[in-house]
Amino acid sequence: MRLRTALIAAAMAACLSGPAGAADAAVEANRASEAQLDGVRGIGPGLSSRIIAARQQAPFRDWDDFIARVSGVGRPRAARLSAEGLTVADQPYGSPAKAASSAAH
């Protein structure tokens, strides 16, 4: 019985800690706490502070707005942060919805 319990616990832990779990746990730049932002790989205390300061002026409209307003974030870093789970306006970087809204302007 102990072996069965241990196997079930190990299987559950593997499911929760795998790469798919990280991708499913989106962190929205417009709503995330400092701790949640710090939890995204590639965001440390300095960047999370800059993100929060910028969004206090106004919510980020899209990734282009985020890149323009957050010092130290360019397109390559935005792509890496998005791959780690960061979203802006509930969209991953380079999403079709973002491209369509930019084309409409």
PDB file of N, CA and C in Angstrom:
ATOM      1  N   MET A   1       0.822  -1.187   0.000  1.00  0.00           N
ATOM      2  CA  MET A   1       0.000   0.000   0.000  1.00  0.00           C
ATOM      3  C   MET A   1       0.871   1.257   0.000  1.00  0.00           C
ATOM      4  N   ARG A   2       1.978   1.240   0.752  1.00  0.00           N
ATOM      5  CA  ARG A   2       2.867   2.396   0.791  1.00  0.00           C
ATOM      6  C   ARG A   2       3.486   2.659  -0.573  1.00  0.00           C
ATOM      7  N   LEU A   3       3.858   1.586  -1.264  1.00  0.00           N
ATOM      8  CA  LEU A   3       4.452   1.727  -2.586  1.00  0.00           C
ATOM      9  C   LEU A   3       3.461   2.385  -3.538  1.00  0.00           C
ATOM     10  N   ARG A   4       2.225   1.940  -3.495  1.00  0.00           N
ATOM     11  CA  ARG A   4       1.197   2.510  -4.368  1.00  0.00           C
ATOM     12  C   ARG A   4       1.012   3.999  -4.074  1.00  0.00           C
ATOM     13  N   THR A   5       0.954   4.375  -2.828  1.00  0.00           N
ATOM     14  CA  THR A   5       0.808   5.774  -2.447  1.00  0.00           C
ATOM     15  C   THR A   5       2.004   6.588  -2.919  1.00  0.00           C
ATOM     16  N   ALA A   6       3.196   6.039  -2.757  1.00  0.00           N
ATOM     17  CA  ALA A   6       4.406   6.739  -3.190  1.00  0.00           C
ATOM     18  C   ALA A   6       4.421   6.922  -4.702  1.00  0.00           C
ATOM     19  N   LEU A   7       4.000   5.906  -5.434  1.00  0.00           N
ATOM     20  CA  LEU A   7       3.963   6.011  -6.890  1.00  0.00           C
ATOM     21  C   LEU A   7       2.948   7.051  -7.351  1.00  0.00           C
ATOM     22  N   ILE A   8       1.811   7.083  -6.742  1.00  0.00           N
ATOM     23  CA  ILE A   8       0.786   8.071  -7.089  1.00  0.00           C
ATOM     24  C   ILE A   8       1.295   9.480  -6.797  1.00  0.00           C
ATOM     25  N   ALA A   9       1.923   9.674  -5.654  1.00  0.00           N
ATOM     26  CA  ALA A   9       2.464  10.988  -5.291  1.00  0.00           C
ATOM     27  C   ALA A   9       3.545  11.417  -6.277  1.00  0.00           C
ATOM     28  N   ALA A  10       4.412  10.493  -6.669  1.00  0.00           N
ATOM     29  CA  ALA A  10       5.475  10.805  -7.621  1.00  0.00           C
ATOM     30  C   ALA A  10       4.902  11.173  -8.986  1.00  0.00           C
ATOM     31  N   ALA A  11       3.890  10.447  -9.423  1.00  0.00           N
ATOM     32  CA  ALA A  11       3.259  10.741 -10.711  1.00  0.00           C
ATOM     33  C   ALA A  11       2.594  12.107 -10.702  1.00  0.00           C
ATOM     34  N   MET A  12       1.934  12.447  -9.612  1.00  0.00           N
ATOM     35  CA  MET A  12       1.289  13.755  -9.504  1.00  0.00           C
ATOM     36  C   MET A  12       2.330  14.866  -9.511  1.00  0.00           C
ATOM     37  N   ALA A  13       3.411  14.688  -8.804  1.00  0.00           N
ATOM     38  CA  ALA A  13       4.476  15.692  -8.759  1.00  0.00           C
ATOM     39  C   ALA A  13       5.083  15.892 -10.140  1.00  0.00           C
ATOM     40  N   ALA A  14       5.291  14.810 -10.873  1.00  0.00           N
ATOM     41  CA  ALA A  14       5.857  14.907 -12.218  1.00  0.00           C
ATOM     42  C   ALA A  14       4.924  15.677 -13.151  1.00  0.00           C
ATOM     43  N   CYS A  15       3.653  15.439 -13.034  1.00  0.00           N
ATOM     44  CA  CYS A  15       2.683  16.143 -13.874  1.00  0.00           C
ATOM     45  C   CYS A  15       2.661  17.633 -13.573  1.00  0.00           C
ATOM     46  N   LEU A  16       2.783  17.988 -12.322  1.00  0.00           N
ATOM     47  CA  LEU A  16       2.709  19.390 -11.930  1.00  0.00           C
ATOM     48  C   LEU A  16       3.998  20.156 -12.181  1.00  0.00           C
ATOM     49  N   SER A  17       5.124  19.481 -12.248  1.00  0.00           N
ATOM     50  CA  SER A  17       6.392  20.186 -12.378  1.00  0.00           C
ATOM     51  C   SER A  17       6.988  20.139 -13.769  1.00  0.00           C
ATOM     52  N   GLY A  18       6.353  19.463 -14.707  1.00  0.00           N
ATOM     53  CA  GLY A  18       6.896  19.339 -16.049  1.00  0.00           C
ATOM     54  C   GLY A  18       6.793  20.626 -16.840  1.00  0.00           C
ATOM     55  N   PRO A  19       7.386  20.675 -18.037  1.00  0.00           N
ATOM     56  CA  PRO A  19       7.368  21.866 -18.871  1.00  0.00           C
ATOM     57  C   PRO A  19       5.964  22.324 -19.224  1.00  0.00           C
ATOM     58  N   ALA A  20       5.049  21.415 -19.422  1.00  0.00           N
ATOM     59  CA  ALA A  20       3.678  21.814 -19.754  1.00  0.00           C
ATOM     60  C   ALA A  20       3.053  22.584 -18.613  1.00  0.00           C
ATOM     61  N   GLY A  21       3.363  22.250 -17.384  1.00  0.00           N
ATOM     62  CA  GLY A  21       2.827  22.975 -16.242  1.00  0.00           C
ATOM     63  C   GLY A  21       3.279  24.419 -16.230  1.00  0.00           C
ATOM     64  N   ALA A  22       4.531  24.680 -16.616  1.00  0.00           N
ATOM     65  CA  ALA A  22       5.050  26.045 -16.645  1.00  0.00           C
ATOM     66  C   ALA A  22       4.347  26.852 -17.728  1.00  0.00           C
ATOM     67  N   ALA A  23       4.112  26.251 -18.891  1.00  0.00           N
ATOM     68  CA  ALA A  23       3.471  26.967 -19.983  1.00  0.00           C
ATOM     69  C   ALA A  23       2.013  27.269 -19.667  1.00  0.00           C
ATOM     70  N   ASP A  24       1.362  26.385 -18.912  1.00  0.00           N
ATOM     71  CA  ASP A  24      -0.039  26.590 -18.587  1.00  0.00           C
ATOM     72  C   ASP A  24      -0.239  27.667 -17.530  1.00  0.00           C
ATOM     73  N   ALA A  25       0.775  27.979 -16.772  1.00  0.00           N
ATOM     74  CA  ALA A  25       0.662  28.941 -15.682  1.00  0.00           C
ATOM     75  C   ALA A  25       1.031  30.340 -16.174  1.00  0.00           C
ATOM     76  N   ALA A  26       0.155  30.953 -16.967  1.00  0.00           N
ATOM     77  CA  ALA A  26       0.424  32.279 -17.516  1.00  0.00           C
ATOM     78  C   ALA A  26       0.443  33.315 -16.401  1.00  0.00           C
ATOM     79  N   VAL A  27       1.356  34.255 -16.538  1.00  0.00           N
ATOM     80  CA  VAL A  27       1.464  35.374 -15.609  1.00  0.00           C
ATOM     81  C   VAL A  27       1.192  36.630 -16.434  1.00  0.00           C
ATOM     82  N   GLU A  28       0.083  37.295 -16.157  1.00  0.00           N
ATOM     83  CA  GLU A  28      -0.349  38.473 -16.911  1.00  0.00           C
ATOM     84  C   GLU A  28       0.341  39.718 -16.368  1.00  0.00           C
ATOM     85  N   ALA A  29       1.078  40.418 -17.225  1.00  0.00           N
ATOM     86  CA  ALA A  29       1.858  41.586 -16.820  1.00  0.00           C
ATOM     87  C   ALA A  29       0.988  42.699 -16.236  1.00  0.00           C
ATOM     88  N   ASN A  30      -0.252  42.804 -16.654  1.00  0.00           N
ATOM     89  CA  ASN A  30      -1.129  43.866 -16.157  1.00  0.00           C
ATOM     90  C   ASN A  30      -1.756  43.571 -14.796  1.00  0.00           C
ATOM     91  N   ARG A  31      -1.685  42.313 -14.347  1.00  0.00           N
ATOM     92  CA  ARG A  31      -2.340  41.945 -13.091  1.00  0.00           C
ATOM     93  C   ARG A  31      -1.431  41.276 -12.070  1.00  0.00           C
ATOM     94  N   ALA A  32      -0.293  40.795 -12.475  1.00  0.00           N
ATOM     95  CA  ALA A  32       0.558  39.992 -11.596  1.00  0.00           C
ATOM     96  C   ALA A  32       1.162  40.812 -10.463  1.00  0.00           C
ATOM     97  N   SER A  33       1.300  40.149  -9.327  1.00  0.00           N
ATOM     98  CA  SER A  33       1.990  40.757  -8.185  1.00  0.00           C
ATOM     99  C   SER A  33       3.493  40.731  -8.462  1.00  0.00           C
ATOM    100  N   GLU A  34       4.246  41.445  -7.643  1.00  0.00           N
ATOM    101  CA  GLU A  34       5.701  41.425  -7.779  1.00  0.00           C
ATOM    102  C   GLU A  34       6.232  40.003  -7.620  1.00  0.00           C
ATOM    103  N   ALA A  35       5.695  39.260  -6.663  1.00  0.00           N
ATOM    104  CA  ALA A  35       6.127  37.881  -6.439  1.00  0.00           C
ATOM    105  C   ALA A  35       5.818  37.002  -7.648  1.00  0.00           C
ATOM    106  N   GLN A  36       4.656  37.176  -8.261  1.00  0.00           N
ATOM    107  CA  GLN A  36       4.310  36.384  -9.442  1.00  0.00           C
ATOM    108  C   GLN A  36       5.243  36.723 -10.611  1.00  0.00           C
ATOM    109  N   LEU A  37       5.525  38.005 -10.795  1.00  0.00           N
ATOM    110  CA  LEU A  37       6.452  38.395 -11.857  1.00  0.00           C
ATOM    111  C   LEU A  37       7.834  37.805 -11.607  1.00  0.00           C
ATOM    112  N   ASP A  38       8.305  37.882 -10.355  1.00  0.00           N
ATOM    113  CA  ASP A  38       9.613  37.317 -10.002  1.00  0.00           C
ATOM    114  C   ASP A  38       9.673  35.811 -10.254  1.00  0.00           C
ATOM    115  N   GLY A  39       8.525  35.156 -10.252  1.00  0.00           N
ATOM    116  CA  GLY A  39       8.474  33.724 -10.485  1.00  0.00           C
ATOM    117  C   GLY A  39       8.655  33.329 -11.937  1.00  0.00           C
ATOM    118  N   VAL A  40       8.587  34.293 -12.842  1.00  0.00           N
ATOM    119  CA  VAL A  40       8.803  34.015 -14.258  1.00  0.00           C
ATOM    120  C   VAL A  40      10.309  33.995 -14.503  1.00  0.00           C
ATOM    121  N   ARG A  41      10.801  32.923 -15.069  1.00  0.00           N
ATOM    122  CA  ARG A  41      12.235  32.808 -15.347  1.00  0.00           C
ATOM    123  C   ARG A  41      12.655  33.957 -16.266  1.00  0.00           C
ATOM    124  N   GLY A  42      13.677  34.690 -15.847  1.00  0.00           N
ATOM    125  CA  GLY A  42      14.162  35.828 -16.623  1.00  0.00           C
ATOM    126  C   GLY A  42      13.721  37.163 -16.053  1.00  0.00           C
ATOM    127  N   ILE A  43      12.811  37.129 -15.070  1.00  0.00           N
ATOM    128  CA  ILE A  43      12.380  38.365 -14.404  1.00  0.00           C
ATOM    129  C   ILE A  43      12.881  38.323 -12.973  1.00  0.00           C
ATOM    130  N   GLY A  44      13.674  39.316 -12.632  1.00  0.00           N
ATOM    131  CA  GLY A  44      14.159  39.451 -11.265  1.00  0.00           C
ATOM    132  C   GLY A  44      13.530  40.656 -10.613  1.00  0.00           C
ATOM    133  N   PRO A  45      13.980  41.004  -9.416  1.00  0.00           N
ATOM    134  CA  PRO A  45      13.396  42.132  -8.689  1.00  0.00           C
ATOM    135  C   PRO A  45      13.465  43.458  -9.443  1.00  0.00           C
ATOM    136  N   GLY A  46      14.551  43.712 -10.143  1.00  0.00           N
ATOM    137  CA  GLY A  46      14.688  44.975 -10.877  1.00  0.00           C
ATOM    138  C   GLY A  46      13.678  45.094 -11.998  1.00  0.00           C
ATOM    139  N   LEU A  47      13.564  44.039 -12.810  1.00  0.00           N
ATOM    140  CA  LEU A  47      12.625  44.074 -13.933  1.00  0.00           C
ATOM    141  C   LEU A  47      11.187  44.077 -13.440  1.00  0.00           C
ATOM    142  N   SER A  48      10.880  43.309 -12.410  1.00  0.00           N
ATOM    143  CA  SER A  48       9.500  43.306 -11.909  1.00  0.00           C
ATOM    144  C   SER A  48       9.123  44.692 -11.394  1.00  0.00           C
ATOM    145  N   SER A  49      10.057  45.397 -10.770  1.00  0.00           N
ATOM    146  CA  SER A  49       9.787  46.761 -10.300  1.00  0.00           C
ATOM    147  C   SER A  49       9.522  47.708 -11.468  1.00  0.00           C
ATOM    148  N   ARG A  50      10.289  47.556 -12.552  1.00  0.00           N
ATOM    149  CA  ARG A  50      10.078  48.414 -13.731  1.00  0.00           C
ATOM    150  C   ARG A  50       8.737  48.108 -14.402  1.00  0.00           C
ATOM    151  N   ILE A  51       8.358  46.841 -14.434  1.00  0.00           N
ATOM    152  CA  ILE A  51       7.065  46.459 -15.023  1.00  0.00           C
ATOM    153  C   ILE A  51       5.929  47.084 -14.214  1.00  0.00           C
ATOM    154  N   ILE A  52       5.997  46.952 -12.900  1.00  0.00           N
ATOM    155  CA  ILE A  52       4.937  47.491 -12.041  1.00  0.00           C
ATOM    156  C   ILE A  52       4.874  49.013 -12.138  1.00  0.00           C
ATOM    157  N   ALA A  53       6.025  49.678 -12.155  1.00  0.00           N
ATOM    158  CA  ALA A  53       6.043  51.140 -12.267  1.00  0.00           C
ATOM    159  C   ALA A  53       5.422  51.593 -13.587  1.00  0.00           C
ATOM    160  N   ALA A  54       5.733  50.906 -14.673  1.00  0.00           N
ATOM    161  CA  ALA A  54       5.192  51.277 -15.978  1.00  0.00           C
ATOM    162  C   ALA A  54       3.685  51.046 -16.046  1.00  0.00           C
ATOM    163  N   ARG A  55       3.214  49.948 -15.503  1.00  0.00           N
ATOM    164  CA  ARG A  55       1.776  49.663 -15.597  1.00  0.00           C
ATOM    165  C   ARG A  55       0.952  50.545 -14.663  1.00  0.00           C
ATOM    166  N   GLN A  56       1.584  51.131 -13.645  1.00  0.00           N
ATOM    167  CA  GLN A  56       0.863  52.065 -12.777  1.00  0.00           C
ATOM    168  C   GLN A  56       0.484  53.334 -13.541  1.00  0.00           C
ATOM    169  N   GLN A  57       1.240  53.655 -14.587  1.00  0.00           N
ATOM    170  CA  GLN A  57       0.902  54.804 -15.431  1.00  0.00           C
ATOM    171  C   GLN A  57      -0.326  54.504 -16.282  1.00  0.00           C
ATOM    172  N   ALA A  58      -0.385  53.297 -16.807  1.00  0.00           N
ATOM    173  CA  ALA A  58      -1.513  52.826 -17.621  1.00  0.00           C
ATOM    174  C   ALA A  58      -1.276  51.348 -17.907  1.00  0.00           C
ATOM    175  N   PRO A  59      -2.344  50.563 -18.049  1.00  0.00           N
ATOM    176  CA  PRO A  59      -2.159  49.145 -18.390  1.00  0.00           C
ATOM    177  C   PRO A  59      -1.467  49.019 -19.752  1.00  0.00           C
ATOM    178  N   PHE A  60      -0.729  47.932 -19.920  1.00  0.00           N
ATOM    179  CA  PHE A  60      -0.088  47.680 -21.209  1.00  0.00           C
ATOM    180  C   PHE A  60      -1.151  47.277 -22.215  1.00  0.00           C
ATOM    181  N   ARG A  61      -1.152  47.913 -23.379  1.00  0.00           N
ATOM    182  CA  ARG A  61      -2.136  47.602 -24.428  1.00  0.00           C
ATOM    183  C   ARG A  61      -1.791  46.306 -25.157  1.00  0.00           C
ATOM    184  N   ASP A  62      -0.492  46.111 -25.390  1.00  0.00           N
ATOM    185  CA  ASP A  62      -0.023  44.943 -26.136  1.00  0.00           C
ATOM    186  C   ASP A  62       1.477  44.822 -25.911  1.00  0.00           C
ATOM    187  N   TRP A  63       2.085  43.839 -26.563  1.00  0.00           N
ATOM    188  CA  TRP A  63       3.525  43.614 -26.378  1.00  0.00           C
ATOM    189  C   TRP A  63       4.350  44.787 -26.879  1.00  0.00           C
ATOM    190  N   ASP A  64       3.949  45.417 -27.970  1.00  0.00           N
ATOM    191  CA  ASP A  64       4.702  46.571 -28.464  1.00  0.00           C
ATOM    192  C   ASP A  64       4.719  47.684 -27.422  1.00  0.00           C
ATOM    193  N   ASP A  65       3.597  47.922 -26.773  1.00  0.00           N
ATOM    194  CA  ASP A  65       3.503  48.921 -25.715  1.00  0.00           C
ATOM    195  C   ASP A  65       4.391  48.524 -24.533  1.00  0.00           C
ATOM    196  N   PHE A  66       4.363  47.255 -24.166  1.00  0.00           N
ATOM    197  CA  PHE A  66       5.193  46.734 -23.077  1.00  0.00           C
ATOM    198  C   PHE A  66       6.674  46.961 -23.378  1.00  0.00           C
ATOM    199  N   ILE A  67       7.097  46.607 -24.591  1.00  0.00           N
ATOM    200  CA  ILE A  67       8.501  46.758 -24.993  1.00  0.00           C
ATOM    201  C   ILE A  67       8.914  48.229 -24.982  1.00  0.00           C
ATOM    202  N   ALA A  68       8.031  49.093 -25.435  1.00  0.00           N
ATOM    203  CA  ALA A  68       8.337  50.522 -25.488  1.00  0.00           C
ATOM    204  C   ALA A  68       8.460  51.153 -24.098  1.00  0.00           C
ATOM    205  N   ARG A  69       7.703  50.648 -23.143  1.00  0.00           N
ATOM    206  CA  ARG A  69       7.633  51.292 -21.826  1.00  0.00           C
ATOM    207  C   ARG A  69       8.476  50.653 -20.743  1.00  0.00           C
ATOM    208  N   VAL A  70       8.936  49.420 -20.927  1.00  0.00           N
ATOM    209  CA  VAL A  70       9.719  48.741 -19.890  1.00  0.00           C
ATOM    210  C   VAL A  70      11.186  48.705 -20.329  1.00  0.00           C
ATOM    211  N   SER A  71      11.988  49.483 -19.647  1.00  0.00           N
ATOM    212  CA  SER A  71      13.413  49.554 -19.951  1.00  0.00           C
ATOM    213  C   SER A  71      14.070  48.187 -19.790  1.00  0.00           C
ATOM    214  N   GLY A  72      14.909  47.848 -20.771  1.00  0.00           N
ATOM    215  CA  GLY A  72      15.619  46.574 -20.696  1.00  0.00           C
ATOM    216  C   GLY A  72      14.915  45.423 -21.388  1.00  0.00           C
ATOM    217  N   VAL A  73      13.751  45.680 -21.979  1.00  0.00           N
ATOM    218  CA  VAL A  73      13.029  44.622 -22.687  1.00  0.00           C
ATOM    219  C   VAL A  73      12.920  45.000 -24.160  1.00  0.00           C
ATOM    220  N   GLY A  74      13.535  44.181 -24.989  1.00  0.00           N
ATOM    221  CA  GLY A  74      13.412  44.309 -26.434  1.00  0.00           C
ATOM    222  C   GLY A  74      12.672  43.098 -26.971  1.00  0.00           C
ATOM    223  N   ARG A  75      12.604  42.979 -28.263  1.00  0.00           N
ATOM    224  CA  ARG A  75      11.871  41.863 -28.872  1.00  0.00           C
ATOM    225  C   ARG A  75      12.440  40.492 -28.485  1.00  0.00           C
ATOM    226  N   PRO A  76      13.761  40.307 -28.509  1.00  0.00           N
ATOM    227  CA  PRO A  76      14.276  38.970 -28.124  1.00  0.00           C
ATOM    228  C   PRO A  76      13.945  38.605 -26.678  1.00  0.00           C
ATOM    229  N   ARG A  77      14.079  39.566 -25.772  1.00  0.00           N
ATOM    230  CA  ARG A  77      13.776  39.266 -24.368  1.00  0.00           C
ATOM    231  C   ARG A  77      12.272  39.058 -24.177  1.00  0.00           C
ATOM    232  N   ALA A  78      11.461  39.829 -24.892  1.00  0.00           N
ATOM    233  CA  ALA A  78      10.006  39.652 -24.813  1.00  0.00           C
ATOM    234  C   ALA A  78       9.626  38.240 -25.243  1.00  0.00           C
ATOM    235  N   ALA A  79      10.253  37.752 -26.306  1.00  0.00           N
ATOM    236  CA  ALA A  79       9.965  36.389 -26.780  1.00  0.00           C
ATOM    237  C   ALA A  79      10.350  35.360 -25.720  1.00  0.00           C
ATOM    238  N   ARG A  80      11.511  35.552 -25.064  1.00  0.00           N
ATOM    239  CA  ARG A  80      11.937  34.611 -24.016  1.00  0.00           C
ATOM    240  C   ARG A  80      10.987  34.663 -22.822  1.00  0.00           C
ATOM    241  N   LEU A  81      10.583  35.865 -22.400  1.00  0.00           N
ATOM    242  CA  LEU A  81       9.673  35.992 -21.255  1.00  0.00           C
ATOM    243  C   LEU A  81       8.323  35.358 -21.572  1.00  0.00           C
ATOM    244  N   SER A  82       7.848  35.546 -22.790  1.00  0.00           N
ATOM    245  CA  SER A  82       6.583  34.939 -23.194  1.00  0.00           C
ATOM    246  C   SER A  82       6.688  33.415 -23.184  1.00  0.00           C
ATOM    247  N   ALA A  83       7.814  32.896 -23.648  1.00  0.00           N
ATOM    248  CA  ALA A  83       8.021  31.443 -23.640  1.00  0.00           C
ATOM    249  C   ALA A  83       8.035  30.899 -22.217  1.00  0.00           C
ATOM    250  N   GLU A  84       8.399  31.737 -21.257  1.00  0.00           N
ATOM    251  CA  GLU A  84       8.416  31.329 -19.839  1.00  0.00           C
ATOM    252  C   GLU A  84       7.062  31.541 -19.159  1.00  0.00           C
ATOM    253  N   GLY A  85       6.076  32.095 -19.889  1.00  0.00           N
ATOM    254  CA  GLY A  85       4.726  32.203 -19.341  1.00  0.00           C
ATOM    255  C   GLY A  85       4.177  33.605 -19.170  1.00  0.00           C
ATOM    256  N   LEU A  86       4.951  34.645 -19.492  1.00  0.00           N
ATOM    257  CA  LEU A  86       4.445  36.009 -19.347  1.00  0.00           C
ATOM    258  C   LEU A  86       3.509  36.339 -20.504  1.00  0.00           C
ATOM    259  N   THR A  87       2.382  36.951 -20.189  1.00  0.00           N
ATOM    260  CA  THR A  87       1.464  37.451 -21.214  1.00  0.00           C
ATOM    261  C   THR A  87       1.254  38.939 -21.002  1.00  0.00           C
ATOM    262  N   VAL A  88       0.862  39.618 -22.070  1.00  0.00           N
ATOM    263  CA  VAL A  88       0.499  41.033 -22.016  1.00  0.00           C
ATOM    264  C   VAL A  88      -0.869  41.144 -22.673  1.00  0.00           C
ATOM    265  N   ALA A  89      -1.814  41.745 -21.968  1.00  0.00           N
ATOM    266  CA  ALA A  89      -3.198  41.823 -22.448  1.00  0.00           C
ATOM    267  C   ALA A  89      -3.707  40.414 -22.783  1.00  0.00           C
ATOM    268  N   ASP A  90      -3.308  39.447 -21.941  1.00  0.00           N
ATOM    269  CA  ASP A  90      -3.709  38.040 -22.066  1.00  0.00           C
ATOM    270  C   ASP A  90      -3.247  37.385 -23.356  1.00  0.00           C
ATOM    271  N   GLN A  91      -2.209  37.919 -23.994  1.00  0.00           N
ATOM    272  CA  GLN A  91      -1.689  37.355 -25.231  1.00  0.00           C
ATOM    273  C   GLN A  91      -0.215  37.001 -25.076  1.00  0.00           C
ATOM    274  N   PRO A  92       0.217  35.870 -25.612  1.00  0.00           N
ATOM    275  CA  PRO A  92       1.654  35.582 -25.665  1.00  0.00           C
ATOM    276  C   PRO A  92       2.299  36.477 -26.723  1.00  0.00           C
ATOM    277  N   TYR A  93       3.592  36.642 -26.653  1.00  0.00           N
ATOM    278  CA  TYR A  93       4.307  37.467 -27.627  1.00  0.00           C
ATOM    279  C   TYR A  93       4.186  36.864 -29.020  1.00  0.00           C
ATOM    280  N   GLY A  94       3.886  37.716 -29.994  1.00  0.00           N
ATOM    281  CA  GLY A  94       3.799  37.257 -31.372  1.00  0.00           C
ATOM    282  C   GLY A  94       2.545  36.499 -31.718  1.00  0.00           C
ATOM    283  N   SER A  95       1.513  36.587 -30.869  1.00  0.00           N
ATOM    284  CA  SER A  95       0.285  35.835 -31.127  1.00  0.00           C
ATOM    285  C   SER A  95      -0.460  36.447 -32.326  1.00  0.00           C
ATOM    286  N   PRO A  96      -1.250  35.628 -33.048  1.00  0.00           N
ATOM    287  CA  PRO A  96      -2.019  36.133 -34.188  1.00  0.00           C
ATOM    288  C   PRO A  96      -2.984  37.244 -33.799  1.00  0.00           C
ATOM    289  N   ALA A  97      -3.569  37.196 -32.604  1.00  0.00           N
ATOM    290  CA  ALA A  97      -4.508  38.228 -32.181  1.00  0.00           C
ATOM    291  C   ALA A  97      -3.809  39.576 -32.099  1.00  0.00           C
ATOM    292  N   LYS A  98      -2.579  39.589 -31.617  1.00  0.00           N
ATOM    293  CA  LYS A  98      -1.793  40.819 -31.514  1.00  0.00           C
ATOM    294  C   LYS A  98      -1.496  41.355 -32.917  1.00  0.00           C
ATOM    295  N   ALA A  99      -1.082  40.473 -33.802  1.00  0.00           N
ATOM    296  CA  ALA A  99      -0.747  40.889 -35.168  1.00  0.00           C
ATOM    297  C   ALA A  99      -1.969  41.449 -35.885  1.00  0.00           C
ATOM    298  N   ALA A 100      -3.120  40.824 -35.681  1.00  0.00           N
ATOM    299  CA  ALA A 100      -4.350  41.291 -36.322  1.00  0.00           C
ATOM    300  C   ALA A 100      -4.750  42.655 -35.798  1.00  0.00           C
ATOM    301  N   SER A 101      -4.611  42.894 -34.484  1.00  0.00           N
ATOM    302  CA  SER A 101      -5.001  44.195 -33.929  1.00  0.00           C
ATOM    303  C   SER A 101      -4.037  45.274 -34.375  1.00  0.00           C
ATOM    304  N   SER A 102      -2.749  44.953 -34.575  1.00  0.00           N
ATOM    305  CA  SER A 102      -1.775  45.930 -35.055  1.00  0.00           C
ATOM    306  C   SER A 102      -2.058  46.271 -36.512  1.00  0.00           C
ATOM    307  N   ALA A 103      -2.458  45.294 -37.302  1.00  0.00           N
ATOM    308  CA  ALA A 103      -2.747  45.527 -38.706  1.00  0.00           C
ATOM    309  C   ALA A 103      -3.982  46.399 -38.884  1.00  0.00           C
ATOM    310  N   ALA A 104      -4.895  46.351 -37.940  1.00  0.00           N
ATOM    311  CA  ALA A 104      -6.126  47.137 -38.020  1.00  0.00           C
ATOM    312  C   ALA A 104      -5.879  48.613 -37.785  1.00  0.00           C
ATOM    313  N   HIS A 105      -4.753  48.958 -37.145  1.00  0.00           N
ATOM    314  CA  HIS A 105      -4.459  50.368 -36.813  1.00  0.00           C
ATOM    315  C   HIS A 105      -3.779  51.003 -37.948  1.00  0.00           C
TER     316      HIS A 105
END
